[in-house]
Amino acid sequence: QMLAFTAIPARRWEPKRLRLRLLSIAGRVVRHARRVRLRLAATALGVDVLVAGLNRLTALPAPA
């Protein structure tokens, strides 16, 4: 939570609220061209927060 949401108010959310908001977004795991992708519902509340957090986590360097 502290690494993924640095400049978003979601950083201060309680764990219960974080789970409710982010893990309730409808999505589907699909495979295409030997890649695994996560397709999220574009109209869901909080999808922009989730995508920003996932992008932030993938941009972090690998631990040494």
Protein backbone atom coordinates (compact mmCIF):
# COMPACT_ATOMS: atom_id res chain seq x y z
CA GLN A 1 0.00 0.00 0.00
CA MET A 2 2.79 2.43 0.83
CA LEU A 3 4.81 1.49 -2.27
CA ALA A 4 1.99 1.38 -4.78
CA PHE A 5 0.00 4.46 -3.80
CA THR A 6 2.47 7.25 -3.12
CA ALA A 7 0.57 10.30 -4.37
CA ILE A 8 -2.99 8.98 -4.14
CA PRO A 9 -5.35 9.26 -1.15
CA ALA A 10 -5.61 5.45 -1.21
CA ARG A 11 -2.32 5.42 0.67
CA ARG A 12 -4.15 6.30 3.88
CA TRP A 13 -7.08 3.90 3.43
CA GLU A 14 -7.67 1.28 6.08
CA PRO A 15 -6.99 -2.32 4.93
CA LYS A 16 -10.68 -3.22 4.98
CA ARG A 17 -11.58 -0.26 2.74
CA LEU A 18 -8.67 -1.03 0.41
CA ARG A 19 -9.83 -4.61 -0.04
CA LEU A 20 -13.42 -3.53 -0.58
CA ARG A 21 -12.57 -0.91 -3.19
CA LEU A 22 -9.82 -2.64 -5.17
CA LEU A 23 -10.55 -6.34 -4.92
CA SER A 24 -14.21 -5.93 -5.85
CA ILE A 25 -13.37 -4.63 -9.35
CA ALA A 26 -14.59 -7.07 -11.98
CA GLY A 27 -11.82 -8.46 -14.13
CA ARG A 28 -10.82 -11.39 -16.28
CA VAL A 29 -7.45 -13.08 -16.75
CA VAL A 30 -6.95 -13.79 -20.47
CA ARG A 31 -4.16 -15.34 -22.50
CA HIS A 32 -3.31 -13.95 -25.90
CA ALA A 33 -0.15 -14.38 -27.97
CA ARG A 34 1.60 -16.26 -25.13
CA ARG A 35 1.00 -13.43 -22.69
CA VAL A 36 -1.24 -13.30 -19.67
CA ARG A 37 -3.26 -10.12 -19.29
CA LEU A 38 -5.69 -8.78 -16.75
CA ARG A 39 -8.74 -7.17 -18.33
CA LEU A 40 -10.58 -4.85 -15.97
CA ALA A 41 -14.02 -3.31 -16.26
CA ALA A 42 -13.39 0.27 -17.43
CA THR A 43 -16.51 1.66 -15.76
CA ALA A 44 -15.78 0.30 -12.28
CA LEU A 45 -15.14 2.70 -9.43
CA GLY A 46 -11.50 2.74 -8.41
CA VAL A 47 -10.09 1.14 -11.54
CA ASP A 48 -7.86 4.16 -12.13
CA VAL A 49 -6.43 3.81 -8.62
CA LEU A 50 -5.76 0.10 -9.17
CA VAL A 51 -4.07 0.66 -12.54
CA ALA A 52 -1.91 3.45 -11.12
CA GLY A 53 -0.84 1.19 -8.26
CA LEU A 54 -0.03 -1.73 -10.56
CA ASN A 55 1.99 0.52 -12.86
CA ARG A 56 3.89 1.91 -9.88
CA LEU A 57 4.70 -1.61 -8.62
CA THR A 58 5.96 -2.79 -12.01
CA ALA A 59 8.21 0.30 -12.26
CA LEU A 60 9.98 -0.49 -8.98
CA PRO A 61 13.41 -2.13 -9.27
CA ALA A 62 13.76 -5.77 -8.30
CA PRO A 63 15.06 -6.36 -4.77
CA ALA A 64 18.72 -7.27 -4.61
